[in-house]
């Protein structure tokens, strides 16, 4: 599985996404959006599919992401 995280150092939701990936020992490549022009962060690209790992007002989607990344089920 190939994971890319689009993030920024100042983004609290990005820190949560990093911790989630690290906790599950999932290797990923991180791209700082300050160099890309993207603004909706954090964003993950998993095997070419763009995924929004959080929902405004709800926070990080732990269960959804665990299932999507094959950590449960």
N, C-alpha and C. Protein backbone atom coordinates (compact mmCIF):
# COMPACT_ATOMS: atom_id res chain seq x y z
N UNK A 1 0.85 -1.17 0.00
CA UNK A 1 0.00 0.00 0.00
C UNK A 1 0.89 1.23 0.00
N UNK A 2 0.57 2.18 -0.85
CA UNK A 2 1.34 3.41 -0.95
C UNK A 2 0.49 4.55 -0.42
N UNK A 3 0.99 5.26 0.61
CA UNK A 3 0.24 6.35 1.24
C UNK A 3 1.03 7.64 1.14
N UNK A 4 0.33 8.71 0.72
CA UNK A 4 0.90 10.05 0.70
C UNK A 4 0.00 10.93 1.57
N UNK A 5 0.61 11.70 2.46
CA UNK A 5 -0.12 12.62 3.32
C UNK A 5 0.22 14.04 2.91
N UNK A 6 -0.80 14.80 2.49
CA UNK A 6 -0.63 16.22 2.23
C UNK A 6 -0.95 16.94 3.52
N UNK A 7 -0.02 17.77 4.00
CA UNK A 7 -0.19 18.37 5.32
C UNK A 7 0.56 19.69 5.40
N UNK A 8 0.50 20.29 6.60
CA UNK A 8 1.26 21.50 6.90
C UNK A 8 1.68 21.43 8.36
N UNK A 9 2.80 22.03 8.69
CA UNK A 9 3.32 21.96 10.06
C UNK A 9 2.37 22.60 11.06
N UNK A 10 1.59 23.58 10.63
CA UNK A 10 0.71 24.33 11.52
C UNK A 10 -0.67 23.70 11.70
N UNK A 11 -0.94 22.60 11.03
CA UNK A 11 -2.27 21.99 10.99
C UNK A 11 -2.46 20.95 12.10
N UNK A 12 -3.36 21.21 13.08
CA UNK A 12 -3.56 20.24 14.17
C UNK A 12 -4.15 18.92 13.67
N UNK A 13 -5.04 18.95 12.69
CA UNK A 13 -5.61 17.71 12.15
C UNK A 13 -4.55 16.87 11.44
N UNK A 14 -3.56 17.54 10.87
CA UNK A 14 -2.45 16.83 10.22
C UNK A 14 -1.61 16.09 11.25
N UNK A 15 -1.42 16.70 12.41
CA UNK A 15 -0.68 16.04 13.49
C UNK A 15 -1.41 14.76 13.93
N UNK A 16 -2.73 14.84 13.99
CA UNK A 16 -3.52 13.65 14.35
C UNK A 16 -3.34 12.57 13.28
N UNK A 17 -3.38 12.95 12.02
CA UNK A 17 -3.20 11.99 10.93
C UNK A 17 -1.82 11.34 11.00
N UNK A 18 -0.78 12.13 11.26
CA UNK A 18 0.58 11.59 11.40
C UNK A 18 0.66 10.58 12.54
N UNK A 19 0.08 10.94 13.68
CA UNK A 19 0.10 10.03 14.84
C UNK A 19 -0.64 8.73 14.54
N UNK A 20 -1.77 8.83 13.85
CA UNK A 20 -2.54 7.64 13.48
C UNK A 20 -1.71 6.72 12.60
N UNK A 21 -1.08 7.26 11.58
CA UNK A 21 -0.26 6.44 10.68
C UNK A 21 0.93 5.84 11.42
N UNK A 22 1.58 6.63 12.27
CA UNK A 22 2.73 6.14 13.03
C UNK A 22 2.32 5.05 14.01
N UNK A 23 1.20 5.24 14.68
CA UNK A 23 0.72 4.25 15.66
C UNK A 23 0.53 2.88 15.02
N UNK A 24 0.10 2.88 13.76
CA UNK A 24 -0.16 1.63 13.05
C UNK A 24 1.02 1.21 12.16
N UNK A 25 2.15 1.88 12.33
CA UNK A 25 3.37 1.56 11.57
C UNK A 25 3.12 1.53 10.07
N UNK A 26 2.34 2.49 9.59
CA UNK A 26 2.06 2.58 8.16
C UNK A 26 3.04 3.59 7.55
N UNK A 27 3.91 3.12 6.67
CA UNK A 27 4.84 4.04 6.03
C UNK A 27 4.10 4.98 5.08
N UNK A 28 4.56 6.23 5.03
CA UNK A 28 3.92 7.21 4.16
C UNK A 28 4.92 8.26 3.73
N UNK A 29 4.58 8.92 2.65
CA UNK A 29 5.34 10.06 2.16
C UNK A 29 4.53 11.30 2.51
N UNK A 30 5.20 12.30 3.05
CA UNK A 30 4.50 13.53 3.44
C UNK A 30 4.87 14.66 2.49
N UNK A 31 3.86 15.40 2.05
CA UNK A 31 4.07 16.55 1.17
C UNK A 31 3.49 17.79 1.85
N UNK A 32 4.33 18.79 2.03
CA UNK A 32 3.92 20.05 2.65
C UNK A 32 3.11 20.85 1.63
N UNK A 33 1.87 21.16 1.97
CA UNK A 33 1.00 21.87 1.01
C UNK A 33 1.48 23.28 0.72
N UNK A 34 2.35 23.80 1.56
CA UNK A 34 2.88 25.14 1.30
C UNK A 34 3.64 25.17 -0.02
N UNK A 35 4.06 24.00 -0.51
CA UNK A 35 4.80 23.93 -1.77
C UNK A 35 3.92 23.49 -2.94
N UNK A 36 2.63 23.17 -2.68
CA UNK A 36 1.79 22.61 -3.75
C UNK A 36 0.61 23.47 -4.13
N UNK A 37 0.19 24.37 -3.23
CA UNK A 37 -0.99 25.17 -3.51
C UNK A 37 -2.28 24.51 -3.03
N UNK A 38 -2.24 23.28 -2.55
CA UNK A 38 -3.44 22.63 -2.01
C UNK A 38 -3.80 23.30 -0.69
N UNK A 39 -5.09 23.29 -0.35
CA UNK A 39 -5.52 23.95 0.88
C UNK A 39 -6.37 23.07 1.79
N UNK A 40 -7.02 22.04 1.28
CA UNK A 40 -7.84 21.16 2.12
C UNK A 40 -6.93 20.09 2.71
N UNK A 41 -6.61 20.23 3.98
CA UNK A 41 -5.71 19.29 4.62
C UNK A 41 -6.28 18.85 5.96
N UNK A 42 -5.89 17.71 6.47
CA UNK A 42 -5.02 16.73 5.83
C UNK A 42 -5.76 16.00 4.71
N UNK A 43 -5.01 15.55 3.74
CA UNK A 43 -5.50 14.71 2.66
C UNK A 43 -4.57 13.52 2.56
N UNK A 44 -5.13 12.35 2.30
CA UNK A 44 -4.32 11.16 2.06
C UNK A 44 -4.57 10.69 0.65
N UNK A 45 -3.55 10.15 0.05
CA UNK A 45 -3.70 9.46 -1.23
C UNK A 45 -3.22 8.04 -0.96
N UNK A 46 -4.15 7.09 -1.06
CA UNK A 46 -3.84 5.69 -0.79
C UNK A 46 -4.01 4.92 -2.09
N UNK A 47 -2.90 4.40 -2.59
CA UNK A 47 -2.91 3.67 -3.87
C UNK A 47 -3.65 4.45 -4.95
N UNK A 48 -3.38 5.76 -5.01
CA UNK A 48 -3.95 6.61 -6.06
C UNK A 48 -5.32 7.18 -5.76
N UNK A 49 -5.95 6.79 -4.64
CA UNK A 49 -7.28 7.29 -4.29
C UNK A 49 -7.16 8.41 -3.25
N UNK A 50 -7.77 9.58 -3.55
CA UNK A 50 -7.75 10.71 -2.61
C UNK A 50 -8.77 10.47 -1.51
N UNK A 51 -8.33 10.66 -0.25
CA UNK A 51 -9.19 10.41 0.90
C UNK A 51 -9.10 11.58 1.86
N UNK A 52 -10.25 12.05 2.31
CA UNK A 52 -10.31 13.07 3.36
C UNK A 52 -10.45 12.33 4.69
N UNK A 53 -9.39 12.29 5.54
CA UNK A 53 -9.44 11.48 6.75
C UNK A 53 -10.12 12.14 7.95
N UNK A 54 -10.73 13.27 7.73
CA UNK A 54 -11.44 13.93 8.82
C UNK A 54 -12.66 14.64 8.26
N UNK A 55 -13.57 14.96 9.14
CA UNK A 55 -14.77 15.70 8.75
C UNK A 55 -14.87 16.91 9.67
N UNK A 56 -14.99 18.12 9.10
CA UNK A 56 -15.10 19.31 9.95
C UNK A 56 -16.22 19.14 10.98
N UNK A 57 -15.91 19.48 12.20
CA UNK A 57 -16.88 19.35 13.28
C UNK A 57 -16.89 17.98 13.93
N UNK A 58 -16.33 16.97 13.25
CA UNK A 58 -16.28 15.62 13.79
C UNK A 58 -14.86 15.18 14.12
N UNK A 59 -13.88 15.77 13.43
CA UNK A 59 -12.49 15.40 13.65
C UNK A 59 -12.05 14.22 12.80
N UNK A 60 -10.96 13.60 13.23
CA UNK A 60 -10.36 12.49 12.48
C UNK A 60 -11.30 11.28 12.48
N UNK A 61 -11.44 10.64 11.35
CA UNK A 61 -12.36 9.51 11.18
C UNK A 61 -11.62 8.20 11.46
N UNK A 62 -11.35 7.95 12.75
CA UNK A 62 -10.55 6.79 13.15
C UNK A 62 -11.10 5.47 12.62
N UNK A 63 -12.37 5.20 12.85
CA UNK A 63 -12.95 3.92 12.45
C UNK A 63 -12.95 3.76 10.93
N UNK A 64 -13.37 4.81 10.23
CA UNK A 64 -13.40 4.78 8.76
C UNK A 64 -12.01 4.55 8.18
N UNK A 65 -11.03 5.27 8.73
CA UNK A 65 -9.67 5.14 8.21
C UNK A 65 -9.09 3.76 8.55
N UNK A 66 -9.36 3.25 9.74
CA UNK A 66 -8.87 1.92 10.12
C UNK A 66 -9.41 0.87 9.17
N UNK A 67 -10.68 0.97 8.85
CA UNK A 67 -11.29 0.01 7.93
C UNK A 67 -10.70 0.15 6.52
N UNK A 68 -10.61 1.39 6.05
CA UNK A 68 -10.11 1.64 4.69
C UNK A 68 -8.67 1.20 4.51
N UNK A 69 -7.87 1.30 5.59
CA UNK A 69 -6.46 0.91 5.51
C UNK A 69 -6.23 -0.54 5.91
N UNK A 70 -7.31 -1.28 6.11
CA UNK A 70 -7.20 -2.72 6.38
C UNK A 70 -6.70 -3.03 7.78
N UNK A 71 -6.93 -2.12 8.72
CA UNK A 71 -6.47 -2.36 10.09
C UNK A 71 -7.51 -3.11 10.92
N UNK A 72 -8.77 -3.09 10.46
CA UNK A 72 -9.84 -3.86 11.10
C UNK A 72 -10.67 -4.53 10.02
N UNK A 73 -11.47 -5.46 10.42
CA UNK A 73 -12.40 -6.07 9.46
C UNK A 73 -12.04 -7.38 9.05
